[in-house]
Amino acid sequence: MRVDLHVHTAFSDGTLTPEQAVDTAYSLKLRAIAITDHDTVEGIKPALDRAKEYSSFEVIPGIEINAFYLNEEIHILGYYIDWENDFLRSTLKSLQEERVERIKKIVKKLNDMGIEISFEDILAKASGSSVGRPHVAAALVEKKIVSSIKEAFDLYLDKGKPAFVPREKITPHYAVDVLKKSGGIPVLAHPGKIKDQSIVKSLIDYGIQGIEVYHKDHDEEMVQHYKKIASKYGLLLTGGSDCHGKPLIMGSQPVPYEYVTQLKQIKKQLCIQ
């Protein structure tokens, strides 16, 4: 039985609604998915409600918190979070406010370059509470300023490009704290994308509880490398497609249901403590 522990919905930068994500996963004969939207938990309840319509199918409440450390973007996944936790929601509210301010600065840069686009144009592309650069890119495509999302990033939005604005992000260590205080299990997302691998060890020492070994950007050598690290330090293994809807890659990683069982065991221990 396969699962996908890294799925985004339209509440962040995905294209599928939570209901569509659940329907798709069930049609692919997956046993479970984790809803892991960027900096928001708004997609969890709709997904949980939809999952009730299917027997022997599970939705794991999760999140992916965007953090920044040593000039690198670091993502921390959280599983079995208490998504109604006041502290978590307060933290996420601050992150959402920061996202909005960043997008407004990007819009100003684009306007200064003579590109006619408004903040409202971008909000129209963000059906959820988590607005980001992919929504800017989608608006640029709609206005025929660029021909594709990739071109938008290549010309304007990527780091070093004229409309790029860095985020004032929290550290991954703080993200770990937030997730633990919210009853969640913190897991390092796609570690193979991190340039300075000493960061991986730093987060292990700090208390990360798992590591994402299966990911679309990990080749087999990386998978085996991170499995060895997980074994050495007693970390949970996770994995997922990092599906954003298009292309539809949900379920493309060989992630066994055993990983969900192990997450449940850790969650049970947390509840006993």
Foldseek 3Di string as FASTA:
>chain_A
DAEFAAEEDLQAQFDHQLLRVLVVCVVVVHQEYEYAHELAQVRPVVNQVNCVVDPRHYYWYKYWYWADDPRDIWIKIWTNFLRVDPLSVVVSVVVLVQQLVLVQQLCVQCVVVVHDDDSVLLVVSRPHSHGHLLSVLVSCCVVVVDVHSVVCCVAADPPPHRSHDDTPGHHVLVVCVSSVVRLIQIETEPLVVDPPNVVVVVVLVSPHAAYELAEPPDDPVSSVVVVVVCVVSVHQYHYRHNHRVVVGCGPVTRHDCVSVVVRVVVSVVSVVD
